[in-house]
Amino acid sequence: MKLIETFRAHPRHFIIPFICLMITFYFTYHAIRGERGLFRLFEIQNEIIATEALSQETTNQLTEIEKKVKALSPGNLDLDLLDEAGRKTLNVGNQNDYIIFD
């Protein structure tokens, strides 16, 4: 009760602490939930992990394609790979081939 009576008698004594409290809440809220806050930091870290995984997968695919291209180069011609690529591109097969659809 004494606090309320003091506030009614001298309201200016509570204005500065109230403003400081509001400023503290404002900056605390934005430090946690803001555009550059903690939650956004965790989201960005998850995006980085996902992007690195995608990058690794793409690098593995690129390496696999480079191996196939190297196998089809004139110096290292792999006849089985050439036959497979030709059949896949032209959609043809021998009469004795078994075709298994995925």
PDB file of N, CA and C in Angstrom:
ATOM      1  N   MET A   1       0.809  -1.183   0.000  1.00  0.00           N
ATOM      2  CA  MET A   1       0.000   0.000   0.000  1.00  0.00           C
ATOM      3  C   MET A   1       0.860   1.257   0.000  1.00  0.00           C
ATOM      4  N   LYS A   2       1.951   1.172   0.742  1.00  0.00           N
ATOM      5  CA  LYS A   2       2.809   2.342   0.830  1.00  0.00           C
ATOM      6  C   LYS A   2       3.412   2.666  -0.540  1.00  0.00           C
ATOM      7  N   LEU A   3       3.685   1.647  -1.329  1.00  0.00           N
ATOM      8  CA  LEU A   3       4.233   1.839  -2.667  1.00  0.00           C
ATOM      9  C   LEU A   3       3.244   2.582  -3.559  1.00  0.00           C
ATOM     10  N   ILE A   4       1.978   2.221  -3.473  1.00  0.00           N
ATOM     11  CA  ILE A   4       0.945   2.891  -4.274  1.00  0.00           C
ATOM     12  C   ILE A   4       0.798   4.345  -3.842  1.00  0.00           C
ATOM     13  N   GLU A   5       0.833   4.578  -2.576  1.00  0.00           N
ATOM     14  CA  GLU A   5       0.728   5.951  -2.079  1.00  0.00           C
ATOM     15  C   GLU A   5       1.936   6.781  -2.515  1.00  0.00           C
ATOM     16  N   THR A   6       3.119   6.143  -2.495  1.00  0.00           N
ATOM     17  CA  THR A   6       4.324   6.846  -2.943  1.00  0.00           C
ATOM     18  C   THR A   6       4.240   7.148  -4.428  1.00  0.00           C
ATOM     19  N   PHE A   7       3.702   6.203  -5.195  1.00  0.00           N
ATOM     20  CA  PHE A   7       3.560   6.403  -6.640  1.00  0.00           C
ATOM     21  C   PHE A   7       2.586   7.536  -6.936  1.00  0.00           C
ATOM     22  N   ARG A   8       1.500   7.608  -6.169  1.00  0.00           N
ATOM     23  CA  ARG A   8       0.534   8.689  -6.376  1.00  0.00           C
ATOM     24  C   ARG A   8       1.111  10.036  -5.965  1.00  0.00           C
ATOM     25  N   ALA A   9       1.945  10.031  -4.963  1.00  0.00           N
ATOM     26  CA  ALA A   9       2.519  11.293  -4.485  1.00  0.00           C
ATOM     27  C   ALA A   9       3.664  11.769  -5.383  1.00  0.00           C
ATOM     28  N   HIS A  10       4.489  10.818  -5.863  1.00  0.00           N
ATOM     29  CA  HIS A  10       5.669  11.185  -6.667  1.00  0.00           C
ATOM     30  C   HIS A  10       5.759  10.271  -7.913  1.00  0.00           C
ATOM     31  N   PRO A  11       4.927  10.474  -8.904  1.00  0.00           N
ATOM     32  CA  PRO A  11       4.954   9.581 -10.069  1.00  0.00           C
ATOM     33  C   PRO A  11       6.233   9.709 -10.903  1.00  0.00           C
ATOM     34  N   ARG A  12       6.888  10.840 -10.822  1.00  0.00           N
ATOM     35  CA  ARG A  12       8.092  11.019 -11.640  1.00  0.00           C
ATOM     36  C   ARG A  12       9.246  10.132 -11.170  1.00  0.00           C
ATOM     37  N   HIS A  13       9.215   9.635  -9.948  1.00  0.00           N
ATOM     38  CA  HIS A  13      10.258   8.755  -9.439  1.00  0.00           C
ATOM     39  C   HIS A  13      10.190   7.368 -10.088  1.00  0.00           C
ATOM     40  N   PHE A  14       9.042   7.028 -10.666  1.00  0.00           N
ATOM     41  CA  PHE A  14       8.870   5.710 -11.264  1.00  0.00           C
ATOM     42  C   PHE A  14       8.965   5.722 -12.790  1.00  0.00           C
ATOM     43  N   ILE A  15       9.020   6.878 -13.379  1.00  0.00           N
ATOM     44  CA  ILE A  15       9.035   6.964 -14.842  1.00  0.00           C
ATOM     45  C   ILE A  15      10.350   6.431 -15.410  1.00  0.00           C
ATOM     46  N   ILE A  16      11.468   6.863 -14.893  1.00  0.00           N
ATOM     47  CA  ILE A  16      12.770   6.424 -15.427  1.00  0.00           C
ATOM     48  C   ILE A  16      12.976   4.922 -15.236  1.00  0.00           C
ATOM     49  N   PRO A  17      12.711   4.339 -14.053  1.00  0.00           N
ATOM     50  CA  PRO A  17      12.844   2.882 -13.947  1.00  0.00           C
ATOM     51  C   PRO A  17      11.894   2.127 -14.881  1.00  0.00           C
ATOM     52  N   PHE A  18      10.673   2.664 -15.059  1.00  0.00           N
ATOM     53  CA  PHE A  18       9.726   2.023 -15.966  1.00  0.00           C
ATOM     54  C   PHE A  18      10.233   2.057 -17.413  1.00  0.00           C
ATOM     55  N   ILE A  19      10.767   3.188 -17.830  1.00  0.00           N
ATOM     56  CA  ILE A  19      11.308   3.315 -19.186  1.00  0.00           C
ATOM     57  C   ILE A  19      12.505   2.380 -19.364  1.00  0.00           C
ATOM     58  N   CYS A  20      13.368   2.313 -18.375  1.00  0.00           N
ATOM     59  CA  CYS A  20      14.522   1.401 -18.446  1.00  0.00           C
ATOM     60  C   CYS A  20      14.069  -0.051 -18.526  1.00  0.00           C
ATOM     61  N   LEU A  21      13.046  -0.394 -17.791  1.00  0.00           N
ATOM     62  CA  LEU A  21      12.508  -1.753 -17.827  1.00  0.00           C
ATOM     63  C   LEU A  21      11.932  -2.077 -19.206  1.00  0.00           C
ATOM     64  N   MET A  22      11.216  -1.147 -19.787  1.00  0.00           N
ATOM     65  CA  MET A  22      10.643  -1.361 -21.117  1.00  0.00           C
ATOM     66  C   MET A  22      11.743  -1.488 -22.179  1.00  0.00           C
ATOM     67  N   ILE A  23      12.768  -0.673 -22.083  1.00  0.00           N
ATOM     68  CA  ILE A  23      13.894  -0.759 -23.026  1.00  0.00           C
ATOM     69  C   ILE A  23      14.595  -2.104 -22.879  1.00  0.00           C
ATOM     70  N   THR A  24      14.756  -2.576 -21.651  1.00  0.00           N
ATOM     71  CA  THR A  24      15.374  -3.878 -21.414  1.00  0.00           C
ATOM     72  C   THR A  24      14.537  -4.994 -22.032  1.00  0.00           C
ATOM     73  N   PHE A  25      13.214  -4.952 -21.837  1.00  0.00           N
ATOM     74  CA  PHE A  25      12.334  -5.953 -22.445  1.00  0.00           C
ATOM     75  C   PHE A  25      12.413  -5.914 -23.966  1.00  0.00           C
ATOM     76  N   TYR A  26      12.442  -4.705 -24.520  1.00  0.00           N
ATOM     77  CA  TYR A  26      12.498  -4.545 -25.974  1.00  0.00           C
ATOM     78  C   TYR A  26      13.756  -5.203 -26.545  1.00  0.00           C
ATOM     79  N   PHE A  27      14.907  -4.885 -25.990  1.00  0.00           N
ATOM     80  CA  PHE A  27      16.154  -5.434 -26.512  1.00  0.00           C
ATOM     81  C   PHE A  27      16.284  -6.932 -26.236  1.00  0.00           C
ATOM     82  N   THR A  28      15.768  -7.382 -25.109  1.00  0.00           N
ATOM     83  CA  THR A  28      15.802  -8.815 -24.818  1.00  0.00           C
ATOM     84  C   THR A  28      14.939  -9.588 -25.812  1.00  0.00           C
ATOM     85  N   TYR A  29      13.759  -9.084 -26.083  1.00  0.00           N
ATOM     86  CA  TYR A  29      12.868  -9.735 -27.044  1.00  0.00           C
ATOM     87  C   TYR A  29      13.544  -9.834 -28.410  1.00  0.00           C
ATOM     88  N   HIS A  30      14.118  -8.744 -28.897  1.00  0.00           N
ATOM     89  CA  HIS A  30      14.739  -8.745 -30.221  1.00  0.00           C
ATOM     90  C   HIS A  30      16.045  -9.535 -30.258  1.00  0.00           C
ATOM     91  N   ALA A  31      16.692  -9.677 -29.126  1.00  0.00           N
ATOM     92  CA  ALA A  31      17.896 -10.500 -29.088  1.00  0.00           C
ATOM     93  C   ALA A  31      17.546 -11.987 -29.196  1.00  0.00           C
ATOM     94  N   ILE A  32      16.346 -12.338 -28.782  1.00  0.00           N
ATOM     95  CA  ILE A  32      15.938 -13.743 -28.837  1.00  0.00           C
ATOM     96  C   ILE A  32      15.107 -14.030 -30.083  1.00  0.00           C
ATOM     97  N   ARG A  33      14.084 -13.234 -30.354  1.00  0.00           N
ATOM     98  CA  ARG A  33      13.140 -13.520 -31.429  1.00  0.00           C
ATOM     99  C   ARG A  33      13.310 -12.639 -32.657  1.00  0.00           C
ATOM    100  N   GLY A  34      14.217 -11.719 -32.647  1.00  0.00           N
ATOM    101  CA  GLY A  34      14.334 -10.754 -33.723  1.00  0.00           C
ATOM    102  C   GLY A  34      14.912 -11.333 -35.003  1.00  0.00           C
ATOM    103  N   GLU A  35      15.083 -10.452 -35.973  1.00  0.00           N
ATOM    104  CA  GLU A  35      15.601 -10.838 -37.288  1.00  0.00           C
ATOM    105  C   GLU A  35      17.000 -11.429 -37.196  1.00  0.00           C
ATOM    106  N   ARG A  36      17.780 -10.978 -36.237  1.00  0.00           N
ATOM    107  CA  ARG A  36      19.137 -11.500 -36.037  1.00  0.00           C
ATOM    108  C   ARG A  36      19.299 -12.091 -34.644  1.00  0.00           C
ATOM    109  N   GLY A  37      18.222 -12.639 -34.115  1.00  0.00           N
ATOM    110  CA  GLY A  37      18.231 -13.192 -32.762  1.00  0.00           C
ATOM    111  C   GLY A  37      18.695 -14.635 -32.726  1.00  0.00           C
ATOM    112  N   LEU A  38      18.546 -15.226 -31.550  1.00  0.00           N
ATOM    113  CA  LEU A  38      19.000 -16.600 -31.341  1.00  0.00           C
ATOM    114  C   LEU A  38      18.236 -17.607 -32.176  1.00  0.00           C
ATOM    115  N   PHE A  39      16.911 -17.459 -32.264  1.00  0.00           N
ATOM    116  CA  PHE A  39      16.128 -18.408 -33.048  1.00  0.00           C
ATOM    117  C   PHE A  39      16.535 -18.371 -34.520  1.00  0.00           C
ATOM    118  N   ARG A  40      16.774 -17.186 -35.043  1.00  0.00           N
ATOM    119  CA  ARG A  40      17.204 -17.062 -36.443  1.00  0.00           C
ATOM    120  C   ARG A  40      18.593 -17.680 -36.625  1.00  0.00           C
ATOM    121  N   LEU A  41      19.450 -17.550 -35.624  1.00  0.00           N
ATOM    122  CA  LEU A  41      20.775 -18.162 -35.680  1.00  0.00           C
ATOM    123  C   LEU A  41      20.659 -19.672 -35.809  1.00  0.00           C
ATOM    124  N   PHE A  42      19.763 -20.281 -35.034  1.00  0.00           N
ATOM    125  CA  PHE A  42      19.574 -21.730 -35.113  1.00  0.00           C
ATOM    126  C   PHE A  42      18.999 -22.135 -36.468  1.00  0.00           C
ATOM    127  N   GLU A  43      18.087 -21.343 -37.016  1.00  0.00           N
ATOM    128  CA  GLU A  43      17.533 -21.632 -38.340  1.00  0.00           C
ATOM    129  C   GLU A  43      18.630 -21.578 -39.400  1.00  0.00           C
ATOM    130  N   ILE A  44      19.484 -20.581 -39.321  1.00  0.00           N
ATOM    131  CA  ILE A  44      20.562 -20.440 -40.300  1.00  0.00           C
ATOM    132  C   ILE A  44      21.543 -21.592 -40.181  1.00  0.00           C
ATOM    133  N   GLN A  45      21.846 -22.027 -38.974  1.00  0.00           N
ATOM    134  CA  GLN A  45      22.750 -23.171 -38.802  1.00  0.00           C
ATOM    135  C   GLN A  45      22.152 -24.434 -39.409  1.00  0.00           C
ATOM    136  N   ASN A  46      20.849 -24.642 -39.253  1.00  0.00           N
ATOM    137  CA  ASN A  46      20.203 -25.797 -39.870  1.00  0.00           C
ATOM    138  C   ASN A  46      20.223 -25.699 -41.393  1.00  0.00           C
ATOM    139  N   GLU A  47      20.033 -24.500 -41.927  1.00  0.00           N
ATOM    140  CA  GLU A  47      20.110 -24.306 -43.373  1.00  0.00           C
ATOM    141  C   GLU A  47      21.519 -24.591 -43.888  1.00  0.00           C
ATOM    142  N   ILE A  48      22.528 -24.197 -43.129  1.00  0.00           N
ATOM    143  CA  ILE A  48      23.915 -24.451 -43.528  1.00  0.00           C
ATOM    144  C   ILE A  48      24.183 -25.947 -43.571  1.00  0.00           C
ATOM    145  N   ILE A  49      23.713 -26.675 -42.575  1.00  0.00           N
ATOM    146  CA  ILE A  49      23.915 -28.128 -42.537  1.00  0.00           C
ATOM    147  C   ILE A  49      23.229 -28.784 -43.733  1.00  0.00           C
ATOM    148  N   ALA A  50      21.990 -28.368 -44.034  1.00  0.00           N
ATOM    149  CA  ALA A  50      21.263 -28.941 -45.168  1.00  0.00           C
ATOM    150  C   ALA A  50      21.952 -28.609 -46.491  1.00  0.00           C
ATOM    151  N   THR A  51      22.454 -27.399 -46.614  1.00  0.00           N
ATOM    152  CA  THR A  51      23.126 -26.991 -47.845  1.00  0.00           C
ATOM    153  C   THR A  51      24.444 -27.729 -48.021  1.00  0.00           C
ATOM    154  N   GLU A  52      25.169 -27.953 -46.939  1.00  0.00           N
ATOM    155  CA  GLU A  52      26.416 -28.713 -47.035  1.00  0.00           C
ATOM    156  C   GLU A  52      26.152 -30.159 -47.449  1.00  0.00           C
ATOM    157  N   ALA A  53      25.067 -30.738 -46.933  1.00  0.00           N
ATOM    158  CA  ALA A  53      24.710 -32.104 -47.328  1.00  0.00           C
ATOM    159  C   ALA A  53      24.348 -32.155 -48.806  1.00  0.00           C
ATOM    160  N   LEU A  54      23.608 -31.167 -49.278  1.00  0.00           N
ATOM    161  CA  LEU A  54      23.258 -31.096 -50.694  1.00  0.00           C
ATOM    162  C   LEU A  54      24.501 -30.901 -51.551  1.00  0.00           C
ATOM    163  N   SER A  55      25.417 -30.074 -51.084  1.00  0.00           N
ATOM    164  CA  SER A  55      26.664 -29.852 -51.803  1.00  0.00           C
ATOM    165  C   SER A  55      27.478 -31.133 -51.906  1.00  0.00           C
ATOM    166  N   GLN A  56      27.539 -31.893 -50.829  1.00  0.00           N
ATOM    167  CA  GLN A  56      28.274 -33.161 -50.843  1.00  0.00           C
ATOM    168  C   GLN A  56      27.634 -34.154 -51.811  1.00  0.00           C
ATOM    169  N   GLU A  57      26.309 -34.211 -51.808  1.00  0.00           N
ATOM    170  CA  GLU A  57      25.590 -35.107 -52.726  1.00  0.00           C
ATOM    171  C   GLU A  57      25.843 -34.714 -54.178  1.00  0.00           C
ATOM    172  N   THR A  58      25.815 -33.411 -54.450  1.00  0.00           N
ATOM    173  CA  THR A  58      26.068 -32.929 -55.803  1.00  0.00           C
ATOM    174  C   THR A  58      27.503 -33.221 -56.229  1.00  0.00           C
ATOM    175  N   THR A  59      28.439 -33.074 -55.304  1.00  0.00           N
ATOM    176  CA  THR A  59      29.832 -33.387 -55.606  1.00  0.00           C
ATOM    177  C   THR A  59      29.997 -34.867 -55.924  1.00  0.00           C
ATOM    178  N   ASN A  60      29.312 -35.726 -55.186  1.00  0.00           N
ATOM    179  CA  ASN A  60      29.380 -37.161 -55.463  1.00  0.00           C
ATOM    180  C   ASN A  60      28.796 -37.484 -56.835  1.00  0.00           C
ATOM    181  N   GLN A  61      27.686 -36.852 -57.188  1.00  0.00           N
ATOM    182  CA  GLN A  61      27.102 -37.066 -58.513  1.00  0.00           C
ATOM    183  C   GLN A  61      28.033 -36.586 -59.609  1.00  0.00           C
ATOM    184  N   LEU A  62      28.668 -35.443 -59.393  1.00  0.00           N
ATOM    185  CA  LEU A  62      29.608 -34.906 -60.375  1.00  0.00           C
ATOM    186  C   LEU A  62      30.790 -35.851 -60.570  1.00  0.00           C
ATOM    187  N   THR A  63      31.301 -36.405 -59.491  1.00  0.00           N
ATOM    188  CA  THR A  63      32.410 -37.349 -59.575  1.00  0.00           C
ATOM    189  C   THR A  63      32.004 -38.591 -60.360  1.00  0.00           C
ATOM    190  N   GLU A  64      30.791 -39.069 -60.117  1.00  0.00           N
ATOM    191  CA  GLU A  64      30.294 -40.243 -60.834  1.00  0.00           C
ATOM    192  C   GLU A  64      30.157 -39.961 -62.326  1.00  0.00           C
ATOM    193  N   ILE A  65      29.646 -38.795 -62.670  1.00  0.00           N
ATOM    194  CA  ILE A  65      29.505 -38.421 -64.080  1.00  0.00           C
ATOM    195  C   ILE A  65      30.876 -38.261 -64.731  1.00  0.00           C
ATOM    196  N   GLU A  66      31.823 -37.670 -64.010  1.00  0.00           N
ATOM    197  CA  GLU A  66      33.177 -37.521 -64.557  1.00  0.00           C
ATOM    198  C   GLU A  66      33.813 -38.876 -64.838  1.00  0.00           C
ATOM    199  N   LYS A  67      33.563 -39.860 -63.975  1.00  0.00           N
ATOM    200  CA  LYS A  67      34.086 -41.210 -64.209  1.00  0.00           C
ATOM    201  C   LYS A  67      33.501 -41.808 -65.483  1.00  0.00           C
ATOM    202  N   LYS A  68      32.187 -41.608 -65.677  1.00  0.00           N
ATOM    203  CA  LYS A  68      31.556 -42.130 -66.888  1.00  0.00           C
ATOM    204  C   LYS A  68      32.082 -41.440 -68.137  1.00  0.00           C
ATOM    205  N   VAL A  69      32.271 -40.134 -68.059  1.00  0.00           N
ATOM    206  CA  VAL A  69      32.805 -39.398 -69.213  1.00  0.00           C
ATOM    207  C   VAL A  69      34.223 -39.854 -69.522  1.00  0.00           C
ATOM    208  N   LYS A  70      35.020 -40.070 -68.486  1.00  0.00           N
ATOM    209  CA  LYS A  70      36.392 -40.528 -68.687  1.00  0.00           C
ATOM    210  C   LYS A  70      36.406 -41.926 -69.312  1.00  0.00           C
ATOM    211  N   ALA A  71      35.441 -42.770 -68.916  1.00  0.00           N
ATOM    212  CA  ALA A  71      35.367 -44.125 -69.478  1.00  0.00           C
ATOM    213  C   ALA A  71      34.943 -44.100 -70.937  1.00  0.00           C
ATOM    214  N   LEU A  72      34.243 -43.052 -71.362  1.00  0.00           N
ATOM    215  CA  LEU A  72      33.816 -42.949 -72.757  1.00  0.00           C
ATOM    216  C   LEU A  72      34.762 -42.122 -73.613  1.00  0.00           C
ATOM    217  N   SER A  73      35.845 -41.630 -73.051  1.00  0.00           N
ATOM    218  CA  SER A  73      36.787 -40.835 -73.833  1.00  0.00           C
ATOM    219  C   SER A  73      37.519 -41.749 -74.829  1.00  0.00           C
ATOM    220  N   PRO A  74      37.997 -41.210 -75.953  1.00  0.00           N
ATOM    221  CA  PRO A  74      38.634 -42.042 -76.983  1.00  0.00           C
ATOM    222  C   PRO A  74      39.843 -42.839 -76.481  1.00  0.00           C
ATOM    223  N   GLY A  75      40.579 -42.329 -75.527  1.00  0.00           N
ATOM    224  CA  GLY A  75      41.757 -43.034 -75.018  1.00  0.00           C
ATOM    225  C   GLY A  75      41.401 -44.207 -74.117  1.00  0.00           C
ATOM    226  N   ASN A  76      40.288 -44.138 -73.414  1.00  0.00           N
ATOM    227  CA  ASN A  76      39.859 -45.171 -72.457  1.00  0.00           C
ATOM    228  C   ASN A  76      38.468 -45.678 -72.797  1.00  0.00           C
ATOM    229  N   LEU A  77      38.203 -46.072 -73.984  1.00  0.00           N
ATOM    230  CA  LEU A  77      36.858 -46.445 -74.387  1.00  0.00           C
ATOM    231  C   LEU A  77      36.440 -47.751 -73.736  1.00  0.00           C
ATOM    232  N   ASP A  78      35.384 -47.692 -72.930  1.00  0.00           N
ATOM    233  CA  ASP A  78      34.816 -48.872 -72.286  1.00  0.00           C
ATOM    234  C   ASP A  78      33.612 -49.303 -73.130  1.00  0.00           C
ATOM    235  N   LEU A  79      33.747 -50.431 -73.815  1.00  0.00           N
ATOM    236  CA  LEU A  79      32.722 -50.859 -74.761  1.00  0.00           C
ATOM    237  C   LEU A  79      31.407 -51.215 -74.071  1.00  0.00           C
ATOM    238  N   ASP A  80      31.460 -51.783 -72.890  1.00  0.00           N
ATOM    239  CA  ASP A  80      30.230 -52.110 -72.171  1.00  0.00           C
ATOM    240  C   ASP A  80      29.453 -50.846 -71.803  1.00  0.00           C
ATOM    241  N   LEU A  81      30.162 -49.827 -71.313  1.00  0.00           N
ATOM    242  CA  LEU A  81      29.504 -48.571 -70.967  1.00  0.00           C
ATOM    243  C   LEU A  81      28.954 -47.889 -72.207  1.00  0.00           C
ATOM    244  N   LEU A  82      29.690 -47.963 -73.315  1.00  0.00           N
ATOM    245  CA  LEU A  82      29.226 -47.380 -74.571  1.00  0.00           C
ATOM    246  C   LEU A  82      27.958 -48.093 -75.045  1.00  0.00           C
ATOM    247  N   ASP A  83      27.947 -49.423 -74.953  1.00  0.00           N
ATOM    248  CA  ASP A  83      26.786 -50.202 -75.352  1.00  0.00           C
ATOM    249  C   ASP A  83      25.583 -49.857 -74.469  1.00  0.00           C
ATOM    250  N   GLU A  84      25.816 -49.743 -73.164  1.00  0.00           N
ATOM    251  CA  GLU A  84      24.744 -49.407 -72.230  1.00  0.00           C
ATOM    252  C   GLU A  84      24.181 -48.019 -72.513  1.00  0.00           C
ATOM    253  N   ALA A  85      25.057 -47.047 -72.758  1.00  0.00           N
ATOM    254  CA  ALA A  85      24.610 -45.681 -73.034  1.00  0.00           C
ATOM    255  C   ALA A  85      23.834 -45.620 -74.343  1.00  0.00           C
ATOM    256  N   GLY A  86      24.291 -46.347 -75.339  1.00  0.00           N
ATOM    257  CA  GLY A  86      23.588 -46.363 -76.624  1.00  0.00           C
ATOM    258  C   GLY A  86      22.209 -46.991 -76.497  1.00  0.00           C
ATOM    259  N   ARG A  87      22.111 -48.092 -75.790  1.00  0.00           N
ATOM    260  CA  ARG A  87      20.812 -48.748 -75.609  1.00  0.00           C
ATOM    261  C   ARG A  87      19.851 -47.860 -74.814  1.00  0.00           C
ATOM    262  N   LYS A  88      20.375 -47.194 -73.796  1.00  0.00           N
ATOM    263  CA  LYS A  88      19.522 -46.329 -72.984  1.00  0.00           C
ATOM    264  C   LYS A  88      19.034 -45.131 -73.791  1.00  0.00           C
ATOM    265  N   THR A  89      19.918 -44.551 -74.595  1.00  0.00           N
ATOM    266  CA  THR A  89      19.557 -43.369 -75.378  1.00  0.00           C
ATOM    267  C   THR A  89      18.582 -43.721 -76.496  1.00  0.00           C
ATOM    268  N   LEU A  90      18.831 -44.821 -77.179  1.00  0.00           N
ATOM    269  CA  LEU A  90      18.012 -45.182 -78.342  1.00  0.00           C
ATOM    270  C   LEU A  90      16.815 -46.062 -77.989  1.00  0.00           C
ATOM    271  N   ASN A  91      16.733 -46.519 -76.749  1.00  0.00           N
ATOM    272  CA  ASN A  91      15.644 -47.398 -76.301  1.00  0.00           C
ATOM    273  C   ASN A  91      15.544 -48.655 -77.153  1.00  0.00           C
ATOM    274  N   VAL A  92      16.667 -49.297 -77.369  1.00  0.00           N
ATOM    275  CA  VAL A  92      16.691 -50.547 -78.129  1.00  0.00           C
ATOM    276  C   VAL A  92      17.350 -51.625 -77.289  1.00  0.00           C
ATOM    277  N   GLY A  93      17.172 -52.860 -77.695  1.00  0.00           N
ATOM    278  CA  GLY A  93      17.780 -53.986 -77.015  1.00  0.00           C
ATOM    279  C   GLY A  93      17.870 -55.162 -77.964  1.00  0.00           C
ATOM    280  N   ASN A  94      18.640 -56.151 -77.579  1.00  0.00           N
ATOM    281  CA  ASN A  94      18.749 -57.372 -78.374  1.00  0.00           C
ATOM    282  C   ASN A  94      17.531 -58.250 -78.122  1.00  0.00           C
ATOM    283  N   GLN A  95      17.369 -59.229 -78.972  1.00  0.00           N
ATOM    284  CA  GLN A  95      16.245 -60.133 -78.835  1.00  0.00           C
ATOM    285  C   GLN A  95      16.405 -61.019 -77.599  1.00  0.00           C
ATOM    286  N   ASN A  96      17.621 -61.272 -77.182  1.00  0.00           N
ATOM    287  CA  ASN A  96      17.889 -62.150 -76.038  1.00  0.00           C
ATOM    288  C   ASN A  96      17.984 -61.401 -74.702  1.00  0.00           C
ATOM    289  N   ASP A  97      17.798 -60.099 -74.723  1.00  0.00           N
ATOM    290  CA  ASP A  97      17.928 -59.307 -73.494  1.00  0.00           C
ATOM    291  C   ASP A  97      16.652 -59.398 -72.661  1.00  0.00           C
ATOM    292  N   TYR A  98      16.843 -59.402 -71.355  1.00  0.00           N
ATOM    293  CA  TYR A  98      15.732 -59.324 -70.417  1.00  0.00           C
ATOM    294  C   TYR A  98      15.673 -57.883 -69.911  1.00  0.00           C
ATOM    295  N   ILE A  99      14.507 -57.299 -69.958  1.00  0.00           N
ATOM    296  CA  ILE A  99      14.335 -55.918 -69.537  1.00  0.00           C
ATOM    297  C   ILE A  99      13.602 -55.913 -68.195  1.00  0.00           C
ATOM    298  N   ILE A 100      14.203 -55.256 -67.229  1.00  0.00           N
ATOM    299  CA  ILE A 100      13.616 -55.145 -65.895  1.00  0.00           C
ATOM    300  C   ILE A 100      13.349 -53.664 -65.642  1.00  0.00           C
ATOM    301  N   PHE A 101      12.086 -53.316 -65.430  1.00  0.00           N
ATOM    302  CA  PHE A 101      11.711 -51.931 -65.190  1.00  0.00           C
ATOM    303  C   PHE A 101      11.767 -51.643 -63.706  1.00  0.00           C
ATOM    304  N   ASP A 102      12.280 -50.496 -63.361  1.00  0.00           N
ATOM    305  CA  ASP A 102      12.326 -50.087 -61.954  1.00  0.00           C
ATOM    306  C   ASP A 102      11.032 -49.442 -61.553  1.00  0.00           C
TER     307      ASP A 102
END
